């Protein structure tokens, strides 16, 4: 059963079908979306390689094609392109059709509090590799955004909350069958149904990194400011 490949396909299908819709015009944002995905995916694929190599998580051969690049199934590599592409579709709708980031509260101190919270959780659980890396990475990234005084955090937060619905469906399928198997020696062992709680942090980091590069490319092109 090629379940993982099918999940990637149907994840990207809806945004592709509506990319040229007159109000959304998602295709106009691809010049910022695609390089953002490529940069972010580079980091996550390195992370994925080492976690798979050290058995922090693994992949069930019953649900993948069997095609690998290094130690990663081709479906896992596609994941880091398909999922952000779909998440960007939600982000662009929130950003362009509802409001622009500049019209919103900046939530500067909320970013700092969130950064310190995730850093605390990560450092407190330093022996749990997945927990430590996911939480510490998100904490450091949020700290960077606080220092940069970004103004898109509210837009990101609304889009992230909206994408939690498809995230729970997709990740729920990946962890329920399971397509992806987690070694609980390296995480807190807390699950939302079948989804490790760290996956929500992982998803947040994946999305906020992509959005940060998107906003940077867009600002550089349009105004020359970040």
N, C-alpha and C. Protein backbone atom coordinates (compact mmCIF):
# COMPACT_ATOMS: atom_id res chain seq x y z
N UNK A 1 0.85 -1.20 0.00
CA UNK A 1 0.00 0.00 0.00
C UNK A 1 0.88 1.26 0.00
N UNK A 2 0.68 2.11 -0.98
CA UNK A 2 1.50 3.32 -1.10
C UNK A 2 0.83 4.48 -0.36
N UNK A 3 0.56 4.27 0.91
CA UNK A 3 -0.20 5.24 1.68
C UNK A 3 0.53 6.57 1.82
N UNK A 4 1.81 6.52 2.13
CA UNK A 4 2.57 7.76 2.35
C UNK A 4 2.60 8.60 1.08
N UNK A 5 2.80 7.97 -0.06
CA UNK A 5 2.81 8.68 -1.33
C UNK A 5 1.45 9.31 -1.61
N UNK A 6 0.38 8.58 -1.31
CA UNK A 6 -0.98 9.09 -1.52
C UNK A 6 -1.25 10.29 -0.61
N UNK A 7 -0.76 10.25 0.62
CA UNK A 7 -0.96 11.37 1.54
C UNK A 7 -0.28 12.62 0.99
N UNK A 8 0.94 12.47 0.49
CA UNK A 8 1.64 13.62 -0.10
C UNK A 8 0.87 14.16 -1.30
N UNK A 9 0.38 13.27 -2.14
CA UNK A 9 -0.33 13.68 -3.35
C UNK A 9 -1.59 14.47 -3.02
N UNK A 10 -2.41 13.95 -2.12
CA UNK A 10 -3.67 14.62 -1.80
C UNK A 10 -3.45 15.88 -0.96
N UNK A 11 -2.33 15.95 -0.26
CA UNK A 11 -2.00 17.16 0.50
C UNK A 11 -1.74 18.33 -0.44
N UNK A 12 -1.05 18.05 -1.52
CA UNK A 12 -0.67 19.13 -2.44
C UNK A 12 -1.73 19.39 -3.52
N UNK A 13 -2.66 18.45 -3.68
CA UNK A 13 -3.64 18.54 -4.77
C UNK A 13 -4.52 19.78 -4.66
N UNK A 14 -5.11 20.01 -3.50
CA UNK A 14 -6.05 21.12 -3.33
C UNK A 14 -5.37 22.47 -3.58
N UNK A 15 -4.20 22.76 -2.98
CA UNK A 15 -3.54 24.03 -3.27
C UNK A 15 -3.19 24.19 -4.75
N UNK A 16 -2.80 23.12 -5.41
CA UNK A 16 -2.48 23.21 -6.84
C UNK A 16 -3.72 23.53 -7.66
N UNK A 17 -4.83 22.89 -7.35
CA UNK A 17 -6.07 23.11 -8.10
C UNK A 17 -6.58 24.54 -7.98
N UNK A 18 -6.34 25.14 -6.81
CA UNK A 18 -6.86 26.49 -6.55
C UNK A 18 -5.78 27.58 -6.65
N UNK A 19 -4.60 27.21 -7.13
CA UNK A 19 -3.51 28.19 -7.23
C UNK A 19 -3.84 29.33 -8.18
N UNK A 20 -4.69 29.07 -9.15
CA UNK A 20 -4.98 30.08 -10.17
C UNK A 20 -6.36 30.70 -9.99
N UNK A 21 -6.98 30.42 -8.85
CA UNK A 21 -8.28 31.03 -8.54
C UNK A 21 -8.10 32.54 -8.47
N UNK A 22 -9.04 33.29 -9.03
CA UNK A 22 -8.84 34.73 -9.27
C UNK A 22 -8.63 35.53 -7.99
N UNK A 23 -9.28 35.16 -6.91
CA UNK A 23 -9.11 35.92 -5.67
C UNK A 23 -7.83 35.55 -4.93
N UNK A 24 -7.46 34.29 -4.99
CA UNK A 24 -6.29 33.83 -4.24
C UNK A 24 -5.00 34.09 -5.01
N UNK A 25 -4.97 33.64 -6.28
CA UNK A 25 -3.79 33.81 -7.13
C UNK A 25 -2.51 33.34 -6.42
N UNK A 26 -2.61 32.16 -5.87
CA UNK A 26 -1.48 31.59 -5.12
C UNK A 26 -0.23 31.48 -5.99
N UNK A 27 -0.40 31.23 -7.26
CA UNK A 27 0.74 31.05 -8.17
C UNK A 27 1.65 32.28 -8.18
N UNK A 28 1.09 33.47 -7.92
CA UNK A 28 1.90 34.68 -7.91
C UNK A 28 2.91 34.70 -6.76
N UNK A 29 2.66 33.86 -5.76
CA UNK A 29 3.53 33.82 -4.58
C UNK A 29 4.59 32.73 -4.69
N UNK A 30 4.54 31.92 -5.74
CA UNK A 30 5.46 30.79 -5.84
C UNK A 30 6.92 31.24 -5.87
N UNK A 31 7.20 32.42 -6.43
CA UNK A 31 8.59 32.88 -6.51
C UNK A 31 9.18 33.13 -5.13
N UNK A 32 8.32 33.31 -4.11
CA UNK A 32 8.78 33.45 -2.73
C UNK A 32 8.63 32.13 -1.97
N UNK A 33 7.59 31.39 -2.32
CA UNK A 33 7.30 30.13 -1.64
C UNK A 33 8.35 29.07 -1.93
N UNK A 34 8.70 28.89 -3.20
CA UNK A 34 9.59 27.80 -3.59
C UNK A 34 10.98 27.92 -2.98
N UNK A 35 11.65 29.09 -3.06
CA UNK A 35 12.97 29.17 -2.41
C UNK A 35 12.89 29.02 -0.90
N UNK A 36 11.80 29.47 -0.29
CA UNK A 36 11.63 29.31 1.16
C UNK A 36 11.54 27.83 1.53
N UNK A 37 10.80 27.08 0.73
CA UNK A 37 10.67 25.64 0.97
C UNK A 37 12.01 24.94 0.79
N UNK A 38 12.75 25.30 -0.25
CA UNK A 38 14.04 24.66 -0.51
C UNK A 38 15.03 24.88 0.63
N UNK A 39 15.09 26.12 1.13
CA UNK A 39 16.02 26.42 2.23
C UNK A 39 15.63 25.67 3.49
N UNK A 40 14.35 25.73 3.85
CA UNK A 40 13.89 25.08 5.07
C UNK A 40 14.02 23.57 4.98
N UNK A 41 13.67 23.01 3.83
CA UNK A 41 13.76 21.55 3.65
C UNK A 41 15.20 21.05 3.84
N UNK A 42 16.18 21.85 3.46
CA UNK A 42 17.58 21.45 3.60
C UNK A 42 17.91 21.14 5.06
N UNK A 43 17.46 22.01 5.96
CA UNK A 43 17.71 21.79 7.38
C UNK A 43 16.95 20.57 7.90
N UNK A 44 15.69 20.46 7.53
CA UNK A 44 14.87 19.37 8.04
C UNK A 44 15.30 18.01 7.50
N UNK A 45 15.82 17.96 6.29
CA UNK A 45 16.29 16.69 5.74
C UNK A 45 17.56 16.22 6.44
N UNK A 46 18.42 17.16 6.81
CA UNK A 46 19.62 16.80 7.59
C UNK A 46 19.19 16.25 8.95
N UNK A 47 18.27 16.95 9.60
CA UNK A 47 17.69 16.51 10.88
C UNK A 47 17.11 15.12 10.71
N UNK A 48 16.29 14.92 9.68
CA UNK A 48 15.61 13.65 9.43
C UNK A 48 16.61 12.52 9.21
N UNK A 49 17.66 12.81 8.47
CA UNK A 49 18.68 11.80 8.19
C UNK A 49 19.29 11.26 9.48
N UNK A 50 19.69 12.16 10.38
CA UNK A 50 20.33 11.72 11.61
C UNK A 50 19.36 11.05 12.57
N UNK A 51 18.12 11.52 12.62
CA UNK A 51 17.13 10.90 13.49
C UNK A 51 16.78 9.49 13.00
N UNK A 52 16.69 9.31 11.69
CA UNK A 52 16.41 7.99 11.14
C UNK A 52 17.61 7.06 11.36
N UNK A 53 18.80 7.59 11.15
CA UNK A 53 20.01 6.80 11.34
C UNK A 53 20.15 6.31 12.77
N UNK A 54 19.70 7.11 13.73
CA UNK A 54 19.84 6.76 15.15
C UNK A 54 18.57 6.16 15.74
N UNK A 55 17.65 5.76 14.85
CA UNK A 55 16.43 5.05 15.26
C UNK A 55 15.55 5.85 16.21
N UNK A 56 15.57 7.16 16.08
CA UNK A 56 14.67 8.00 16.87
C UNK A 56 13.26 7.91 16.27
N UNK A 57 13.22 7.73 14.95
CA UNK A 57 11.99 7.32 14.28
C UNK A 57 12.37 6.46 13.09
N UNK A 58 11.39 5.74 12.56
CA UNK A 58 11.63 4.85 11.43
C UNK A 58 10.37 4.79 10.57
N UNK A 59 10.46 4.09 9.44
CA UNK A 59 9.37 4.08 8.48
C UNK A 59 8.95 2.65 8.19
N UNK A 60 7.66 2.45 8.16
CA UNK A 60 7.07 1.13 7.96
C UNK A 60 7.08 0.78 6.47
N UNK A 61 7.80 -0.26 6.12
CA UNK A 61 7.94 -0.64 4.71
C UNK A 61 6.62 -1.03 4.06
N UNK A 62 5.61 -1.33 4.85
CA UNK A 62 4.32 -1.73 4.28
C UNK A 62 3.58 -0.58 3.61
N UNK A 63 4.00 0.66 3.90
CA UNK A 63 3.23 1.82 3.42
C UNK A 63 4.04 2.77 2.54
N UNK A 64 5.22 2.33 2.09
CA UNK A 64 6.06 3.18 1.24
C UNK A 64 6.49 2.41 -0.01
N UNK A 65 7.00 3.14 -0.99
CA UNK A 65 7.37 2.52 -2.27
C UNK A 65 8.62 1.65 -2.16
N UNK A 66 9.46 1.95 -1.18
CA UNK A 66 10.74 1.25 -1.06
C UNK A 66 11.87 1.99 -1.74
N UNK A 67 11.57 3.12 -2.39
CA UNK A 67 12.61 3.95 -3.01
C UNK A 67 13.20 4.86 -1.94
N UNK A 68 14.52 4.80 -1.77
CA UNK A 68 15.20 5.59 -0.75
C UNK A 68 16.29 6.45 -1.37
N UNK A 69 16.51 7.60 -0.79
CA UNK A 69 17.69 8.41 -1.06
C UNK A 69 18.44 8.48 0.25
N UNK A 70 19.64 7.92 0.27
CA UNK A 70 20.35 7.68 1.52
C UNK A 70 19.46 6.77 2.37
N UNK A 71 19.14 7.18 3.60
CA UNK A 71 18.31 6.33 4.45
C UNK A 71 16.85 6.79 4.52
N UNK A 72 16.48 7.76 3.66
CA UNK A 72 15.14 8.34 3.74
C UNK A 72 14.27 7.87 2.58
N UNK A 73 13.05 7.42 2.87
CA UNK A 73 12.11 7.09 1.79
C UNK A 73 11.82 8.32 0.95
N UNK A 74 11.59 8.12 -0.32
CA UNK A 74 11.30 9.25 -1.21
C UNK A 74 10.08 10.02 -0.73
N UNK A 75 9.12 9.29 -0.12
CA UNK A 75 7.92 9.95 0.39
C UNK A 75 8.24 10.92 1.53
N UNK A 76 9.22 10.57 2.36
CA UNK A 76 9.60 11.44 3.46
C UNK A 76 10.24 12.72 2.92
N UNK A 77 11.03 12.59 1.88
CA UNK A 77 11.65 13.76 1.26
C UNK A 77 10.58 14.66 0.64
N UNK A 78 9.63 14.05 -0.04
CA UNK A 78 8.53 14.82 -0.64
C UNK A 78 7.70 15.53 0.41
N UNK A 79 7.61 14.94 1.60
CA UNK A 79 6.84 15.52 2.70
C UNK A 79 7.25 16.97 2.96
N UNK A 80 8.56 17.25 2.91
CA UNK A 80 9.06 18.58 3.26
C UNK A 80 8.85 19.61 2.15
N UNK A 81 8.30 19.16 1.03
CA UNK A 81 7.93 20.06 -0.05
C UNK A 81 6.40 20.16 -0.16
N UNK A 82 5.73 19.04 -0.02
CA UNK A 82 4.26 19.03 -0.16
C UNK A 82 3.56 19.71 1.01
N UNK A 83 3.97 19.39 2.22
CA UNK A 83 3.31 19.95 3.40
C UNK A 83 3.50 21.46 3.48
N UNK A 84 4.74 21.99 3.37
CA UNK A 84 4.88 23.45 3.39
C UNK A 84 4.13 24.15 2.25
N UNK A 85 4.10 23.53 1.07
CA UNK A 85 3.37 24.13 -0.05
C UNK A 85 1.89 24.30 0.30
N UNK A 86 1.32 23.29 0.96
CA UNK A 86 -0.09 23.37 1.38
C UNK A 86 -0.27 24.37 2.52
N UNK A 87 0.68 24.40 3.45
CA UNK A 87 0.59 25.35 4.57
C UNK A 87 0.70 26.79 4.07
N UNK A 88 1.57 27.02 3.09
CA UNK A 88 1.70 28.35 2.52
C UNK A 88 0.40 28.80 1.87
N UNK A 89 -0.33 27.88 1.29
CA UNK A 89 -1.62 28.20 0.68
C UNK A 89 -2.55 28.81 1.72
N UNK A 90 -2.58 28.21 2.91
CA UNK A 90 -3.39 28.74 4.01
C UNK A 90 -2.85 30.09 4.45
N UNK A 91 -1.52 30.19 4.59
CA UNK A 91 -0.90 31.43 5.05
C UNK A 91 -1.18 32.58 4.09
N UNK A 92 -1.07 32.32 2.79
CA UNK A 92 -1.31 33.36 1.79
C UNK A 92 -2.76 33.84 1.84
N UNK A 93 -3.70 32.92 2.03
CA UNK A 93 -5.11 33.32 2.14
C UNK A 93 -5.31 34.22 3.34
N UNK A 94 -4.75 33.84 4.47
CA UNK A 94 -4.88 34.67 5.69
C UNK A 94 -4.21 36.01 5.48
N UNK A 95 -3.03 35.99 4.88
CA UNK A 95 -2.24 37.22 4.71
C UNK A 95 -2.86 38.19 3.70
N UNK A 96 -3.29 37.66 2.57
CA UNK A 96 -3.71 38.52 1.47
C UNK A 96 -5.21 38.81 1.44
N UNK A 97 -6.03 37.86 1.84
CA UNK A 97 -7.47 38.04 1.73
C UNK A 97 -8.13 38.53 3.02
N UNK A 98 -7.45 38.34 4.13
CA UNK A 98 -8.04 38.77 5.41
C UNK A 98 -7.38 40.05 5.89
N UNK A 99 -6.07 40.04 6.00
CA UNK A 99 -5.35 41.26 6.41
C UNK A 99 -3.86 41.09 6.14
N UNK A 100 -3.19 42.21 6.05
CA UNK A 100 -1.74 42.21 5.90
C UNK A 100 -1.09 42.21 7.29
N UNK A 101 0.12 41.66 7.40
CA UNK A 101 0.79 41.62 8.71
C UNK A 101 0.94 42.98 9.37
N UNK A 102 1.17 44.00 8.56
CA UNK A 102 1.43 45.33 9.12
C UNK A 102 0.21 45.92 9.83
N UNK A 103 -0.97 45.39 9.53
CA UNK A 103 -2.18 45.93 10.16
C UNK A 103 -2.47 45.30 11.51
N UNK A 104 -1.62 44.36 11.93
CA UNK A 104 -1.90 43.58 13.13
C UNK A 104 -1.00 43.97 14.30
N UNK A 105 -1.43 43.57 15.48
CA UNK A 105 -0.57 43.71 16.65
C UNK A 105 0.68 42.85 16.43
N UNK A 106 1.81 43.33 16.89
CA UNK A 106 3.06 42.63 16.61
C UNK A 106 3.34 41.47 17.57
N UNK A 107 2.68 41.45 18.70
CA UNK A 107 2.87 40.35 19.65
C UNK A 107 4.34 40.13 19.99
N UNK A 108 5.08 41.20 20.20
CA UNK A 108 6.51 41.05 20.45
C UNK A 108 6.80 40.28 21.73
N UNK A 109 6.14 40.63 22.80
CA UNK A 109 6.44 39.99 24.07
C UNK A 109 5.91 38.56 24.11
N UNK A 110 4.83 38.32 23.38
CA UNK A 110 4.32 36.95 23.29
C UNK A 110 5.34 36.04 22.59
N UNK A 111 6.05 36.60 21.62
CA UNK A 111 7.10 35.82 20.94
C UNK A 111 8.20 35.47 21.93
N UNK A 112 8.61 36.44 22.73
CA UNK A 112 9.67 36.20 23.71
C UNK A 112 9.25 35.16 24.74
N UNK A 113 8.04 35.29 25.25
CA UNK A 113 7.55 34.33 26.25
C UNK A 113 7.50 32.93 25.65
N UNK A 114 7.01 32.83 24.42
CA UNK A 114 6.95 31.53 23.75
C UNK A 114 8.35 30.96 23.55
N UNK A 115 9.29 31.80 23.16
CA UNK A 115 10.67 31.36 22.95
C UNK A 115 11.25 30.80 24.24
N UNK A 116 11.07 31.51 25.34
CA UNK A 116 11.61 31.07 26.63
C UNK A 116 10.95 29.79 27.10
N UNK A 117 9.65 29.67 26.83
CA UNK A 117 8.92 28.46 27.22
C UNK A 117 9.49 27.23 26.51
N UNK A 118 9.65 27.32 25.19
CA UNK A 118 10.14 26.16 24.44
C UNK A 118 11.61 25.87 24.76
N UNK A 119 12.39 26.91 24.99
CA UNK A 119 13.78 26.68 25.40
C UNK A 119 13.83 25.95 26.74
N UNK A 120 12.96 26.34 27.66
CA UNK A 120 12.91 25.69 28.98
C UNK A 120 12.55 24.21 28.83
N UNK A 121 11.50 23.92 28.05
CA UNK A 121 11.08 22.52 27.86
C UNK A 121 12.19 21.71 27.20
N UNK A 122 12.83 22.29 26.19
CA UNK A 122 13.89 21.59 25.50
C UNK A 122 15.08 21.29 26.38
N UNK A 123 15.53 22.29 27.14
CA UNK A 123 16.70 22.11 28.00
C UNK A 123 16.39 21.23 29.21
N UNK A 124 15.16 21.29 29.70
CA UNK A 124 14.75 20.46 30.83
C UNK A 124 14.73 18.98 30.45
N UNK A 125 14.48 18.71 29.16
CA UNK A 125 14.41 17.32 28.69
C UNK A 125 15.53 17.02 27.71
N UNK A 126 16.72 17.47 28.07
CA UNK A 126 17.86 17.41 27.17
C UNK A 126 18.22 15.98 26.79
N UNK A 127 17.88 14.99 27.64
CA UNK A 127 18.20 13.59 27.34
C UNK A 127 17.21 12.96 26.37
N UNK A 128 16.06 13.62 26.15
CA UNK A 128 15.07 13.12 25.20
C UNK A 128 15.31 13.83 23.87
N UNK A 129 15.99 13.17 22.98
CA UNK A 129 16.54 13.84 21.79
C UNK A 129 15.49 14.57 20.97
N UNK A 130 14.37 13.91 20.67
CA UNK A 130 13.36 14.55 19.84
C UNK A 130 12.77 15.76 20.54
N UNK A 131 12.43 15.61 21.80
CA UNK A 131 11.88 16.72 22.59
C UNK A 131 12.87 17.88 22.65
N UNK A 132 14.12 17.55 22.96
CA UNK A 132 15.14 18.59 23.13
C UNK A 132 15.40 19.35 21.84
N UNK A 133 15.59 18.63 20.73
CA UNK A 133 15.92 19.28 19.47
C UNK A 133 14.75 20.10 18.95
N UNK A 134 13.54 19.53 19.00
CA UNK A 134 12.36 20.23 18.48
C UNK A 134 12.08 21.50 19.28
N UNK A 135 12.03 21.38 20.59
CA UNK A 135 11.67 22.53 21.43
C UNK A 135 12.77 23.59 21.44
N UNK A 136 14.03 23.16 21.53
CA UNK A 136 15.13 24.11 21.56
C UNK A 136 15.23 24.85 20.22
N UNK A 137 15.05 24.13 19.12
CA UNK A 137 15.12 24.76 17.79
C UNK A 137 14.01 25.79 17.62
N UNK A 138 12.79 25.44 18.04
CA UNK A 138 11.69 26.40 17.92
C UNK A 138 11.92 27.59 18.84
N UNK A 139 12.41 27.34 20.05
CA UNK A 139 12.70 28.42 20.99
C UNK A 139 13.73 29.39 20.44
N UNK A 140 14.80 28.86 19.86
CA UNK A 140 15.85 29.71 19.31
C UNK A 140 15.35 30.50 18.10
N UNK A 141 14.52 29.86 17.28
CA UNK A 141 14.00 30.56 16.10
C UNK A 141 13.07 31.71 16.53
N UNK A 142 12.22 31.45 17.51
CA UNK A 142 11.34 32.50 18.01
C UNK A 142 12.14 33.63 18.66
N UNK A 143 13.20 33.28 19.34
CA UNK A 143 14.06 34.30 19.94
C UNK A 143 14.69 35.19 18.86
N UNK A 144 15.08 34.58 17.76
CA UNK A 144 15.61 35.33 16.63
C UNK A 144 14.56 36.28 16.07
N UNK A 145 13.32 35.80 15.94
CA UNK A 145 12.24 36.64 15.42
C UNK A 145 11.94 37.80 16.36
N UNK A 146 12.05 37.56 17.65
CA UNK A 146 11.86 38.63 18.63
C UNK A 146 12.94 39.71 18.46
N UNK A 147 14.17 39.28 18.27
CA UNK A 147 15.28 40.22 18.09
C UNK A 147 15.11 41.01 16.79
N UNK A 148 14.60 40.33 15.74
CA UNK A 148 14.41 40.98 14.45
C UNK A 148 13.19 41.90 14.40
N UNK A 149 12.35 41.83 15.44
CA UNK A 149 11.16 42.67 15.55
C UNK A 149 10.22 42.46 14.36
N UNK A 150 9.96 41.21 14.04
CA UNK A 150 9.10 40.90 12.91
C UNK A 150 7.65 41.31 13.19
N UNK A 151 6.88 41.52 12.13
CA UNK A 151 5.50 41.98 12.30
C UNK A 151 4.47 41.02 11.71
N UNK A 152 4.90 39.76 11.44
CA UNK A 152 3.97 38.81 10.82
C UNK A 152 3.55 37.68 11.75
N UNK A 153 3.87 37.80 13.04
CA UNK A 153 3.63 36.67 13.93
C UNK A 153 2.15 36.37 14.10
N UNK A 154 1.32 37.39 14.16
CA UNK A 154 -0.11 37.16 14.32
C UNK A 154 -0.68 36.45 13.09
N UNK A 155 -0.26 36.90 11.91
CA UNK A 155 -0.69 36.25 10.68
C UNK A 155 -0.29 34.78 10.69
N UNK A 156 0.96 34.54 11.05
CA UNK A 156 1.45 33.16 11.14
C UNK A 156 0.62 32.35 12.14
N UNK A 157 0.36 32.93 13.31
CA UNK A 157 -0.34 32.20 14.36
C UNK A 157 -1.74 31.79 13.91
N UNK A 158 -2.46 32.69 13.26
CA UNK A 158 -3.80 32.38 12.77
C UNK A 158 -3.73 31.28 11.71
N UNK A 159 -2.79 31.39 10.79
CA UNK A 159 -2.64 30.37 9.74
C UNK A 159 -2.24 29.03 10.35
N UNK A 160 -1.37 29.06 11.35
CA UNK A 160 -0.94 27.81 12.00
C UNK A 160 -2.11 27.12 12.69
N UNK A 161 -2.94 27.90 13.38
CA UNK A 161 -4.11 27.31 14.04
C UNK A 161 -5.07 26.71 13.03
N UNK A 162 -5.23 27.37 11.88
CA UNK A 162 -6.10 26.83 10.83
C UNK A 162 -5.55 25.54 10.24
N UNK A 163 -4.23 25.49 10.09
CA UNK A 163 -3.65 24.29 9.48
C UNK A 163 -3.59 23.11 10.45
N UNK A 164 -3.91 23.34 11.71
CA UNK A 164 -3.92 22.22 12.66
C UNK A 164 -4.96 21.16 12.29
N UNK A 165 -6.04 21.59 11.64
CA UNK A 165 -7.08 20.63 11.25
C UNK A 165 -6.53 19.63 10.22
N UNK A 166 -5.99 20.09 9.07
CA UNK A 166 -5.38 19.11 8.16
C UNK A 166 -4.16 18.42 8.75
N UNK A 167 -3.42 19.13 9.61
CA UNK A 167 -2.25 18.52 10.25
C UNK A 167 -2.65 17.29 11.07
N UNK A 168 -3.69 17.43 11.85
CA UNK A 168 -4.14 16.32 12.69
C UNK A 168 -4.62 15.15 11.83
N UNK A 169 -5.28 15.45 10.71
CA UNK A 169 -5.74 14.39 9.81
C UNK A 169 -4.55 13.67 9.19
N UNK A 170 -3.63 14.45 8.61
CA UNK A 170 -2.47 13.87 7.93
C UNK A 170 -1.56 13.15 8.90
N UNK A 171 -1.18 13.83 9.98
CA UNK A 171 -0.26 13.22 10.93
C UNK A 171 -0.92 12.07 11.69
N UNK A 172 -2.23 12.20 11.88
CA UNK A 172 -2.96 11.11 12.51
C UNK A 172 -2.88 9.85 11.69
N UNK A 173 -3.00 9.97 10.37
CA UNK A 173 -2.87 8.81 9.48
C UNK A 173 -1.45 8.25 9.51
N UNK A 174 -0.47 9.13 9.49
CA UNK A 174 0.92 8.69 9.48
C UNK A 174 1.30 7.93 10.75
N UNK A 175 0.71 8.32 11.86
CA UNK A 175 1.07 7.71 13.14
C UNK A 175 0.11 6.59 13.57
N UNK A 176 -1.06 6.53 12.96
CA UNK A 176 -2.05 5.52 13.36
C UNK A 176 -1.80 4.18 12.69
N UNK A 177 -1.38 4.15 11.44
CA UNK A 177 -1.26 2.88 10.74
C UNK A 177 -0.19 1.94 11.32
N UNK A 178 1.02 2.30 11.70
CA UNK A 178 1.67 3.60 11.47
C UNK A 178 2.57 3.55 10.25
N UNK A 179 2.65 4.70 9.56
CA UNK A 179 3.63 4.86 8.49
C UNK A 179 4.98 5.24 9.11
N UNK A 180 4.93 6.17 10.08
CA UNK A 180 6.12 6.60 10.82
C UNK A 180 6.02 6.04 12.23
N UNK A 181 7.09 5.39 12.68
CA UNK A 181 7.11 4.79 14.01
C UNK A 181 8.14 5.52 14.88
N UNK A 182 7.73 5.90 16.08
CA UNK A 182 8.58 6.69 16.97
C UNK A 182 9.12 5.82 18.10
N UNK A 183 10.38 6.05 18.41
CA UNK A 183 11.01 5.39 19.56
C UNK A 183 10.79 6.28 20.78
N UNK A 184 9.91 5.84 21.68
CA UNK A 184 9.52 6.68 22.81
C UNK A 184 10.63 6.88 23.84
N UNK A 185 11.77 6.26 23.64
CA UNK A 185 12.92 6.54 24.51
C UNK A 185 13.44 7.95 24.28
N UNK A 186 13.05 8.56 23.15
CA UNK A 186 13.60 9.86 22.77
C UNK A 186 12.57 10.98 22.79
N UNK A 187 11.39 10.72 23.33
CA UNK A 187 10.38 11.77 23.44
C UNK A 187 9.64 11.65 24.76
N UNK A 188 8.73 12.56 25.02
CA UNK A 188 8.04 12.61 26.31
C UNK A 188 7.03 11.47 26.48
N UNK A 189 6.65 10.83 25.39
CA UNK A 189 5.67 9.75 25.48
C UNK A 189 4.24 10.26 25.62
N UNK A 190 4.04 11.56 25.41
CA UNK A 190 2.69 12.16 25.48
C UNK A 190 2.15 12.25 24.06
N UNK A 191 0.93 11.73 23.86
CA UNK A 191 0.37 11.71 22.52
C UNK A 191 -1.03 12.32 22.49
N UNK A 192 -1.31 13.00 21.40
CA UNK A 192 -2.65 13.47 21.08
C UNK A 192 -3.23 12.41 20.16
N UNK A 193 -4.07 11.54 20.70
CA UNK A 193 -4.46 10.31 20.02
C UNK A 193 -3.19 9.54 19.71
N UNK A 194 -2.79 9.44 18.44
CA UNK A 194 -1.57 8.69 18.10
C UNK A 194 -0.39 9.60 17.79
N UNK A 195 -0.59 10.92 17.85
CA UNK A 195 0.43 11.88 17.44
C UNK A 195 1.29 12.30 18.63
N UNK A 196 2.61 12.08 18.57
CA UNK A 196 3.48 12.58 19.65
C UNK A 196 3.35 14.09 19.78
N UNK A 197 3.34 14.58 21.00
CA UNK A 197 3.14 16.01 21.24
C UNK A 197 4.26 16.82 20.58
N UNK A 198 5.44 16.22 20.45
CA UNK A 198 6.55 16.91 19.81
C UNK A 198 6.28 17.22 18.34
N UNK A 199 5.40 16.43 17.72
CA UNK A 199 5.10 16.68 16.30
C UNK A 199 4.42 18.04 16.09
N UNK A 200 3.70 18.51 17.10
CA UNK A 200 3.07 19.83 16.99
C UNK A 200 4.15 20.92 17.01
N UNK A 201 5.17 20.71 17.83
CA UNK A 201 6.30 21.65 17.88
C UNK A 201 7.07 21.60 16.56
N UNK A 202 7.30 20.39 16.09
CA UNK A 202 7.99 20.16 14.81
C UNK A 202 7.26 20.85 13.68
N UNK A 203 5.94 20.70 13.65
CA UNK A 203 5.12 21.34 12.62
C UNK A 203 5.19 22.86 12.72
N UNK A 204 5.15 23.38 13.94
CA UNK A 204 5.26 24.82 14.14
C UNK A 204 6.58 25.36 13.65
N UNK A 205 7.66 24.63 13.95
CA UNK A 205 8.99 25.07 13.50
C UNK A 205 9.09 25.03 11.98
N UNK A 206 8.59 23.94 11.38
CA UNK A 206 8.61 23.82 9.92
C UNK A 206 7.88 24.99 9.26
N UNK A 207 6.73 25.35 9.81
CA UNK A 207 5.93 26.41 9.20
C UNK A 207 6.54 27.78 9.46
N UNK A 208 6.99 28.05 10.68
CA UNK A 208 7.51 29.39 10.98
C UNK A 208 8.82 29.65 10.25
N UNK A 209 9.65 28.63 10.04
CA UNK A 209 10.87 28.82 9.27
C UNK A 209 10.54 29.15 7.81
N UNK A 210 9.61 28.40 7.24
CA UNK A 210 9.19 28.68 5.87
C UNK A 210 8.61 30.09 5.73
N UNK A 211 7.75 30.46 6.66
CA UNK A 211 7.11 31.78 6.61
C UNK A 211 8.14 32.89 6.77
N UNK A 212 9.12 32.68 7.63
CA UNK A 212 10.15 33.69 7.84
C UNK A 212 10.91 33.97 6.54
N UNK A 213 11.32 32.92 5.86
CA UNK A 213 12.04 33.12 4.60
C UNK A 213 11.12 33.73 3.53
N UNK A 214 9.87 33.29 3.52
CA UNK A 214 8.90 33.87 2.58
C UNK A 214 8.78 35.37 2.78
N UNK A 215 8.59 35.80 4.03
CA UNK A 215 8.43 37.22 4.32
C UNK A 215 9.72 37.98 4.01
N UNK A 216 10.85 37.35 4.23
CA UNK A 216 12.13 37.99 3.94
C UNK A 216 12.28 38.20 2.43
N UNK A 217 12.02 37.15 1.64
CA UNK A 217 12.10 37.28 0.18
C UNK A 217 11.11 38.30 -0.34
N UNK A 218 9.90 38.28 0.19
CA UNK A 218 8.86 39.19 -0.28
C UNK A 218 9.20 40.64 0.06
N UNK A 219 9.67 40.86 1.29
CA UNK A 219 10.04 42.22 1.70
C UNK A 219 11.23 42.73 0.92
N UNK A 220 12.18 41.87 0.68
CA UNK A 220 13.38 42.26 -0.08
C UNK A 220 13.00 42.65 -1.50
N UNK A 221 12.05 41.93 -2.09
CA UNK A 221 11.61 42.20 -3.46
C UNK A 221 10.78 43.48 -3.55
N UNK A 222 9.88 43.64 -2.59
CA UNK A 222 8.89 44.73 -2.67
C UNK A 222 9.41 46.04 -2.12
N UNK A 223 9.99 45.99 -0.91
CA UNK A 223 10.37 47.23 -0.23
C UNK A 223 11.84 47.36 0.11
N UNK A 224 12.55 46.24 0.08
CA UNK A 224 13.93 46.27 0.49
C UNK A 224 14.10 46.22 2.00
N UNK A 225 12.97 46.03 2.75
CA UNK A 225 13.03 45.95 4.21
C UNK A 225 12.41 44.66 4.68
N UNK A 226 12.86 44.21 5.88
CA UNK A 226 12.30 42.99 6.45
C UNK A 226 11.33 43.39 7.55
